Amino acid sequence: MAAGFSAWFWNERFWLPHNVTWADLKNTEGAEYPQASDLYLAFPVALAIFLVRLLFERFIAKPCALRLQIQAARPRKAHPNAILEKVFTSITKSPDERRLEGLSKQLDWDVRKIQSWFRHRRNQDKPSTLTKFSESMWRLVFYFYIFSYGVRFLFCLSDFVNLICVFFLQQLTVDMYYYYTVELSFYWSLMFSQFTDIKRKDFFVMLLHHFATVGLITFSYVNNMLRVGTLVMCLHDASDSLLEAAKLANYAKYQRICDSLFMAFGFVFVSTRLGIYPVWILKTTLFESWEIIGPYPSWWVFNTLLIVLQILHGIWSYLIIRIAYKSIMKGKVSKDDRSDIESSSEDDDPMTNGGGHTRRHRHSPYKGTNGTNGHLSPGAWAEEH
């Protein structure tokens, strides 16, 4: 039964063009080709990356944050109230006007006092700035390292810009295998750690992004689309380190540096993912490859995943452009629409002054709860990508 399933799953007519067989991709003494079994290594490496991250955040990122006087202070907790807690657990957001009036009569509280309680209750689960700084610093280090490695690796190839020349029978090098393994392992680790990391409004969008990325890396490796795969990975890493750097600058309260880095991130993100990616990579994989090798089942799957990523690029680019436009109009970056937690604070808290008039501080877009992409990301872009 297992043998039958394996034969069905690895059917050559699904994975390979009509003129290519698995025998053509067998390793020989003079040439090595990617094998599906190579990717098993990604799972233990993903675990190792996650453990390295924990050590990095605790022994490197945290001391750096404390040196910058970033503390682990959390938002004020809501006063315990069994009735409101039950309502909060059932809806996890502000109740509507009708329910507010009912709760006001039941508790003999002012409506504004109840609204304030819900705001504090949501914010008390918000991670501290120290936690967010540590997470962003880890991502910055990894993205910068892997992007630098990818650029160096690709420029060592004499014809790295030529996607058409070797659609198939691309030999596997040690550098290429290392690049694929580390990238795939990192995204596996992100997929699992997303359930324990900072909660983002775009949680499911980011989960879809990680699934699509893992699928793309796996597909491009198994069916020998190595040149396309390495270029896509490197292109997507180009802007990520700038976003993480912007987040760190914000947490350290260097707002001008933060805004400048965010603008640089936005330019690189939009130019690479709405410019280079569709004009160069998608054009080649969708149209030029059709003429050279023709469509086949895994070709459709591979290109569908590429198109899914392009749709996500469009959504995130719209959000970035919108933030940039608001920053130009108002002189500072405005709050990201992806923010999942109200981060307003109050000098006059109705919880303590009987529901008096509140005064809210305007917050930087980076204060609140991954930016997306990215990620993009599911707070503000500098905290939610």
Protein backbone atom coordinates (compact mmCIF):
# COMPACT_ATOMS: atom_id res chain seq x y z
CA MET A 1 0.00 0.00 0.00
CA ALA A 2 2.80 2.39 0.92
CA ALA A 3 4.63 1.49 -2.27
CA GLY A 4 1.49 2.15 -4.29
CA PHE A 5 0.99 5.56 -2.67
CA SER A 6 4.64 6.46 -3.26
CA ALA A 7 4.39 5.48 -6.92
CA TRP A 8 1.22 7.55 -7.28
CA PHE A 9 2.62 10.59 -5.45
CA TRP A 10 5.93 10.63 -7.31
CA ASN A 11 4.38 10.08 -10.70
CA GLU A 12 6.76 11.45 -13.31
CA ARG A 13 3.97 12.89 -15.40
CA PHE A 14 2.94 15.12 -12.50
CA TRP A 15 6.35 16.34 -11.40
CA LEU A 16 8.34 16.42 -14.64
CA PRO A 17 7.94 17.51 -18.27
CA HIS A 18 7.14 14.85 -20.84
CA ASN A 19 10.73 14.47 -21.99
CA VAL A 20 12.25 14.14 -18.48
CA THR A 21 12.22 11.14 -16.11
CA TRP A 22 13.42 10.54 -12.57
CA ALA A 23 16.25 8.51 -14.06
CA ASP A 24 17.56 11.69 -15.69
CA LEU A 25 17.81 13.28 -12.23
CA LYS A 26 19.66 10.42 -10.54
CA ASN A 27 23.00 11.33 -9.02
CA THR A 28 26.02 10.14 -10.94
CA GLU A 29 29.71 10.25 -10.25
CA GLY A 30 30.14 13.49 -12.14
CA ALA A 31 26.88 15.23 -11.33
CA GLU A 32 24.50 15.63 -8.42
CA TYR A 33 20.85 16.63 -8.72
CA PRO A 34 18.31 17.61 -6.07
CA GLN A 35 16.52 14.68 -4.44
CA ALA A 36 13.28 14.97 -2.48
CA SER A 37 14.82 13.08 0.45
CA ASP A 38 17.34 15.92 0.85
CA LEU A 39 14.61 18.11 2.30
CA TYR A 40 14.09 15.91 5.36
CA LEU A 41 17.06 17.67 6.88
CA ALA A 42 15.00 20.87 7.04
CA PHE A 43 12.98 19.66 10.05
CA PRO A 44 15.84 19.13 12.52
CA VAL A 45 17.49 22.30 11.21
CA ALA A 46 14.21 24.20 11.80
CA LEU A 47 14.27 23.00 15.41
CA ALA A 48 17.91 24.06 15.71
CA ILE A 49 17.08 27.51 14.30
CA PHE A 50 14.27 27.90 16.81
CA LEU A 51 16.59 26.97 19.70
CA VAL A 52 19.26 29.37 18.43
CA ARG A 53 16.61 32.06 18.29
CA LEU A 54 15.67 31.48 21.94
CA LEU A 55 19.31 31.71 22.99
CA PHE A 56 19.89 34.78 20.82
CA GLU A 57 16.87 36.64 22.19
CA ARG A 58 17.81 35.88 25.78
CA PHE A 59 21.57 36.40 25.78
CA ILE A 60 22.11 38.93 22.98
CA ALA A 61 18.91 40.78 22.08
CA LYS A 62 17.67 41.29 25.62
CA PRO A 63 20.97 42.79 26.91
CA CYS A 64 21.03 45.11 23.87
CA ALA A 65 17.48 46.22 24.62
CA LEU A 66 18.27 46.88 28.28
CA ARG A 67 21.34 48.84 27.24
CA LEU A 68 19.02 51.03 25.15
CA GLN A 69 16.81 51.41 28.23
CA ILE A 70 13.99 49.36 26.75
CA GLN A 71 12.10 47.81 29.63
CA ALA A 72 9.70 44.91 29.91
CA ALA A 73 6.83 47.06 31.21
CA ARG A 74 3.39 45.85 30.19
CA PRO A 75 0.16 47.84 29.78
CA ARG A 76 -2.04 48.42 32.83
CA LYS A 77 -4.19 45.42 33.68
CA ALA A 78 -7.96 45.65 33.83
CA HIS A 79 -9.55 45.32 37.26
CA PRO A 80 -10.88 41.77 37.76
CA ASN A 81 -14.56 41.52 36.95
CA ALA A 82 -16.19 38.11 36.38
CA ILE A 83 -19.12 39.45 34.35
CA LEU A 84 -17.03 41.53 31.95
CA GLU A 85 -14.41 38.80 31.69
CA LYS A 86 -17.09 36.34 30.56
CA VAL A 87 -18.29 38.79 27.90
CA PHE A 88 -14.70 39.49 26.80
CA THR A 89 -13.94 35.77 26.45
CA SER A 90 -17.00 35.29 24.25
CA ILE A 91 -16.46 38.25 21.88
CA THR A 92 -12.81 39.39 22.46
CA LYS A 93 -13.74 42.90 21.28
CA SER A 94 -15.78 45.88 22.35
CA PRO A 95 -19.46 44.99 22.84
CA ASP A 96 -22.05 46.76 20.74
CA GLU A 97 -24.08 49.68 22.04
CA ARG A 98 -27.02 47.54 23.11
CA ARG A 99 -24.84 45.20 25.17
CA LEU A 100 -22.96 48.13 26.66
CA GLU A 101 -26.20 49.62 27.93
CA GLY A 102 -27.19 46.26 29.42
CA LEU A 103 -23.84 45.88 31.17
CA SER A 104 -24.06 49.46 32.41
CA LYS A 105 -27.37 48.75 34.12
CA GLN A 106 -26.22 45.37 35.44
CA LEU A 107 -22.99 46.71 36.97
CA ASP A 108 -24.15 50.26 37.64
CA TRP A 109 -21.13 51.50 35.71
CA ASP A 110 -20.81 54.34 33.24
CA VAL A 111 -20.65 53.17 29.60
CA ARG A 112 -17.26 54.86 29.11
CA LYS A 113 -15.92 53.03 32.14
CA ILE A 114 -16.97 49.69 30.59
CA GLN A 115 -15.39 50.64 27.26
CA SER A 116 -12.18 51.52 29.09
CA TRP A 117 -12.24 48.15 30.85
CA PHE A 118 -12.43 46.32 27.53
CA ARG A 119 -9.61 48.45 26.13
CA HIS A 120 -7.37 47.66 29.10
CA ARG A 121 -8.33 43.99 28.95
CA ARG A 122 -7.27 43.72 25.33
CA ASN A 123 -4.06 45.62 25.93
CA GLN A 124 -2.99 43.58 28.95
CA ASP A 125 -2.24 40.63 26.66
CA LYS A 126 -0.06 42.84 24.51
CA PRO A 127 3.63 41.81 24.62
CA SER A 128 6.18 44.15 26.12
CA THR A 129 8.46 46.32 24.01
CA LEU A 130 11.38 44.22 25.22
CA THR A 131 9.77 41.08 23.79
CA LYS A 132 9.08 42.77 20.46
CA PHE A 133 12.60 44.22 20.30
CA SER A 134 14.15 40.78 20.88
CA GLU A 135 12.01 39.16 18.19
CA SER A 136 12.79 41.90 15.67
CA MET A 137 16.52 41.80 16.38
CA TRP A 138 16.60 38.05 15.72
CA ARG A 139 14.79 38.50 12.43
CA LEU A 140 17.07 41.37 11.43
CA VAL A 141 20.19 39.28 12.00
CA PHE A 142 18.81 36.28 10.12
CA TYR A 143 17.42 38.25 7.15
CA PHE A 144 20.61 40.25 6.77
CA TYR A 145 22.73 37.11 6.91
CA ILE A 146 20.67 35.04 4.49
CA PHE A 147 20.22 37.92 2.02
CA SER A 148 23.97 38.62 2.04
CA TYR A 149 24.67 34.94 1.50
CA GLY A 150 22.14 34.74 -1.33
CA VAL A 151 23.55 37.78 -3.13
CA ARG A 152 27.11 36.45 -2.83
CA PHE A 153 26.03 32.99 -3.99
CA LEU A 154 24.05 34.23 -6.99
CA PHE A 155 26.72 36.65 -8.18
CA CYS A 156 29.20 33.80 -8.18
CA LEU A 157 27.13 32.20 -10.95
CA SER A 158 28.30 33.33 -14.34
CA ASP A 159 24.77 33.48 -15.80
CA PHE A 160 22.66 34.08 -12.70
CA VAL A 161 20.27 36.45 -14.53
CA ASN A 162 19.41 33.86 -17.16
CA LEU A 163 16.35 31.93 -16.02
CA ILE A 164 15.61 30.38 -19.39
CA CYS A 165 18.91 28.65 -20.09
CA VAL A 166 18.54 25.83 -17.58
CA PHE A 167 14.94 25.12 -16.69
CA PHE A 168 15.83 21.54 -15.99
CA LEU A 169 18.78 19.26 -15.29
CA GLN A 170 20.34 21.92 -13.07
CA GLN A 171 23.14 20.37 -11.08
CA LEU A 172 23.11 20.83 -7.31
CA THR A 173 26.07 22.53 -5.65
CA VAL A 174 26.94 22.56 -1.95
CA ASP A 175 26.21 26.30 -1.70
CA MET A 176 22.82 25.90 -3.35
CA TYR A 177 21.86 23.00 -1.06
CA TYR A 178 22.90 24.98 2.01
CA TYR A 179 20.91 28.01 0.82
CA TYR A 180 17.78 25.95 0.21
CA THR A 181 18.04 24.05 3.50
CA VAL A 182 18.49 27.15 5.66
CA GLU A 183 15.69 29.09 3.92
CA LEU A 184 13.25 26.18 4.08
CA SER A 185 14.12 25.46 7.72
CA PHE A 186 13.64 29.09 8.69
CA TYR A 187 10.16 29.25 7.19
CA TRP A 188 9.20 25.96 8.83
CA SER A 189 10.31 27.44 12.14
CA LEU A 190 8.27 30.60 11.45
CA MET A 191 5.20 28.56 10.63
CA PHE A 192 5.29 26.78 13.97
CA SER A 193 6.52 29.67 16.11
CA GLN A 194 3.77 31.90 14.71
CA PHE A 195 1.41 30.24 17.18
CA THR A 196 3.58 31.36 20.11
CA ASP A 197 4.87 34.68 18.76
CA ILE A 198 3.24 38.11 19.02
CA LYS A 199 -0.38 37.90 17.89
CA ARG A 200 -1.01 39.75 14.65
CA LYS A 201 -4.15 40.85 12.92
CA ASP A 202 -2.95 39.28 9.67
CA PHE A 203 -2.25 35.92 11.35
CA PHE A 204 -3.99 33.84 8.68
CA VAL A 205 -2.54 35.90 5.83
CA MET A 206 0.95 35.31 7.20
CA LEU A 207 0.19 31.62 7.70
CA LEU A 208 -0.90 31.43 4.06
CA HIS A 209 2.30 33.26 3.12
CA HIS A 210 4.44 30.73 5.02
CA PHE A 211 2.59 27.79 3.46
CA ALA A 212 3.04 29.24 -0.02
CA THR A 213 6.72 29.93 0.64
CA VAL A 214 7.39 26.43 1.96
CA GLY A 215 5.49 25.00 -1.01
CA LEU A 216 7.44 27.10 -3.50
CA ILE A 217 10.81 26.18 -2.02
CA THR A 218 9.88 22.49 -1.92
CA PHE A 219 8.42 22.42 -5.42
CA SER A 220 11.31 24.29 -7.00
CA TYR A 221 13.77 21.90 -5.36
CA VAL A 222 11.97 18.65 -6.16
CA ASN A 223 11.29 19.42 -9.82
CA ASN A 224 14.70 21.03 -10.34
CA MET A 225 13.64 24.66 -10.72
CA LEU A 226 16.68 25.67 -8.69
CA ARG A 227 17.59 28.87 -10.53
CA VAL A 228 14.09 30.30 -10.20
CA GLY A 229 13.85 29.21 -6.59
CA THR A 230 17.08 30.86 -5.47
CA LEU A 231 16.19 34.12 -7.20
CA VAL A 232 12.72 34.22 -5.63
CA MET A 233 14.16 33.60 -2.17
CA CYS A 234 16.84 36.26 -2.51
CA LEU A 235 14.40 38.80 -3.94
CA HIS A 236 11.99 38.30 -1.04
CA ASP A 237 14.76 38.73 1.54
CA ALA A 238 15.85 42.08 0.10
CA SER A 239 13.47 44.32 2.07
CA ASP A 240 12.91 42.33 5.26
CA SER A 241 16.03 43.47 7.11
CA LEU A 242 15.10 47.13 6.49
CA LEU A 243 11.70 46.62 8.11
CA GLU A 244 13.19 44.91 11.16
CA ALA A 245 15.77 47.70 11.47
CA ALA A 246 12.94 50.26 11.40
CA LYS A 247 11.18 48.42 14.20
CA LEU A 248 14.33 48.38 16.32
CA ALA A 249 14.84 52.11 15.77
CA ASN A 250 11.28 52.74 16.85
CA TYR A 251 11.56 50.67 20.02
CA ALA A 252 14.73 52.60 20.88
CA LYS A 253 12.79 55.86 20.24
CA TYR A 254 14.90 57.00 17.29
CA GLN A 255 11.86 58.11 15.36
CA ARG A 256 13.58 59.92 12.47
CA ILE A 257 15.78 56.92 11.78
CA CYS A 258 12.73 54.70 12.11
CA ASP A 259 10.73 56.68 9.53
CA SER A 260 13.68 56.85 7.12
CA LEU A 261 14.23 53.10 7.34
CA PHE A 262 10.53 52.46 6.83
CA MET A 263 10.50 54.62 3.70
CA ALA A 264 13.56 52.75 2.40
CA PHE A 265 11.81 49.47 3.18
CA GLY A 266 8.69 50.59 1.33
CA PHE A 267 10.67 51.58 -1.76
CA VAL A 268 12.61 48.30 -1.87
CA PHE A 269 9.51 46.22 -1.13
CA VAL A 270 7.34 47.78 -3.83
CA SER A 271 10.10 47.93 -6.46
CA THR A 272 11.13 44.30 -5.98
CA ARG A 273 7.73 42.70 -5.46
CA LEU A 274 5.63 44.78 -7.86
CA GLY A 275 8.45 45.45 -10.31
CA ILE A 276 11.24 42.89 -10.57
CA TYR A 277 9.21 39.90 -9.38
CA PRO A 278 6.34 40.04 -11.91
CA VAL A 279 8.28 41.60 -14.79
CA TRP A 280 11.26 39.27 -14.61
CA ILE A 281 10.43 36.10 -12.68
CA LEU A 282 6.68 35.64 -13.28
CA LYS A 283 7.06 36.58 -16.94
CA THR A 284 9.71 33.89 -17.35
CA THR A 285 8.01 31.11 -15.39
CA LEU A 286 4.54 31.73 -16.85
CA PHE A 287 5.19 32.56 -20.50
CA GLU A 288 8.74 31.82 -21.57
CA SER A 289 8.83 28.43 -19.83
CA TRP A 290 5.54 27.56 -21.58
CA GLU A 291 7.28 27.99 -24.93
CA ILE A 292 10.40 26.06 -23.89
CA ILE A 293 9.11 23.07 -21.90
CA GLY A 294 5.32 23.45 -22.03
CA PRO A 295 2.87 23.14 -19.12
CA TYR A 296 2.54 19.99 -16.97
CA PRO A 297 0.76 19.38 -13.62
CA SER A 298 3.48 20.50 -11.20
CA TRP A 299 4.18 23.50 -13.46
CA TRP A 300 0.61 24.65 -12.81
CA VAL A 301 1.01 24.15 -9.05
CA PHE A 302 4.35 25.97 -8.98
CA ASN A 303 3.06 28.96 -10.91
CA THR A 304 -0.16 29.08 -8.88
CA LEU A 305 1.95 29.45 -5.73
CA LEU A 306 3.95 32.22 -7.40
CA ILE A 307 0.72 34.01 -8.29
CA VAL A 308 -0.57 33.64 -4.71
CA LEU A 309 2.57 35.39 -3.52
CA GLN A 310 2.04 38.13 -6.08
CA ILE A 311 -1.49 38.73 -4.80
CA LEU A 312 -0.14 39.01 -1.26
CA HIS A 313 2.52 41.42 -2.55
CA GLY A 314 -0.23 43.59 -3.97
CA ILE A 315 -2.16 43.67 -0.66
CA TRP A 316 0.91 44.52 1.38
CA SER A 317 2.18 47.08 -1.12
CA TYR A 318 -1.18 48.86 -0.94
CA LEU A 319 -0.86 49.08 2.85
CA ILE A 320 2.71 50.35 2.62
CA ILE A 321 1.83 53.00 0.02
CA ARG A 322 -1.14 54.07 2.11
CA ILE A 323 1.05 54.49 5.19
CA ALA A 324 3.67 56.38 3.18
CA TYR A 325 1.01 58.70 1.75
CA LYS A 326 -0.35 59.45 5.21
CA SER A 327 3.15 60.08 6.51
CA ILE A 328 3.76 62.67 3.79
CA MET A 329 0.39 64.33 4.43
CA LYS A 330 0.77 64.40 8.20
CA GLY A 331 4.52 64.61 8.53
CA LYS A 332 4.80 61.24 10.23
CA VAL A 333 3.91 57.64 9.57
CA SER A 334 0.33 56.94 10.57
CA LYS A 335 -1.19 53.90 12.21
CA ASP A 336 -1.25 50.73 10.14
CA ASP A 337 -4.67 49.32 9.35
CA ARG A 338 -3.39 45.88 10.32
CA SER A 339 -3.07 46.87 14.00
CA ASP A 340 -4.80 44.26 16.10
CA ILE A 341 -4.67 45.93 19.50
CA GLU A 342 -5.80 49.39 20.53
CA SER A 343 -2.67 50.96 21.93
CA SER A 344 -4.15 54.21 23.12
CA SER A 345 -3.29 55.27 26.64
CA GLU A 346 -5.15 57.57 28.94
CA ASP A 347 -4.03 60.19 31.40
CA ASP A 348 -7.48 60.38 32.94
CA ASP A 349 -8.69 56.82 33.30
CA PRO A 350 -12.42 56.44 33.86
CA MET A 351 -11.59 53.28 35.77
CA THR A 352 -10.09 55.46 38.49
CA ASN A 353 -11.90 58.77 38.18
CA GLY A 354 -15.48 57.68 37.76
CA GLY A 355 -15.64 57.84 34.00
CA GLY A 356 -14.28 61.31 33.46
CA HIS A 357 -13.33 62.65 30.06
CA THR A 358 -10.33 60.80 28.60
CA ARG A 359 -7.33 62.21 26.77
CA ARG A 360 -5.56 59.81 24.39
CA HIS A 361 -2.03 60.03 23.18
CA ARG A 362 -1.31 59.66 19.48
CA HIS A 363 1.09 56.79 18.95
CA SER A 364 3.73 56.11 16.41
CA PRO A 365 2.69 53.53 13.83
CA TYR A 366 5.35 51.26 15.17
CA LYS A 367 3.97 51.25 18.70
CA GLY A 368 1.32 48.71 19.38
CA THR A 369 1.64 45.13 18.68
CA ASN A 370 4.90 41.36 12.80
CA GLY A 371 4.76 43.98 10.69
CA THR A 372 3.58 41.78 7.30
CA ASN A 373 5.44 40.08 5.01
CA GLY A 374 6.03 41.11 6.15
CA HIS A 375 5.70 40.25 6.14
CA LEU A 376 4.82 40.66 5.83
CA SER A 377 2.56 39.54 9.05
CA PRO A 378 0.47 39.45 10.03
CA GLY A 379 0.41 46.70 15.56
CA ALA A 380 1.79 48.80 12.97
CA TRP A 381 3.86 47.79 9.97
CA ALA A 382 7.08 48.11 11.86
CA GLU A 383 5.73 45.66 14.41
CA GLU A 384 3.61 43.36 12.29
CA HIS A 385 5.55 42.55 9.10
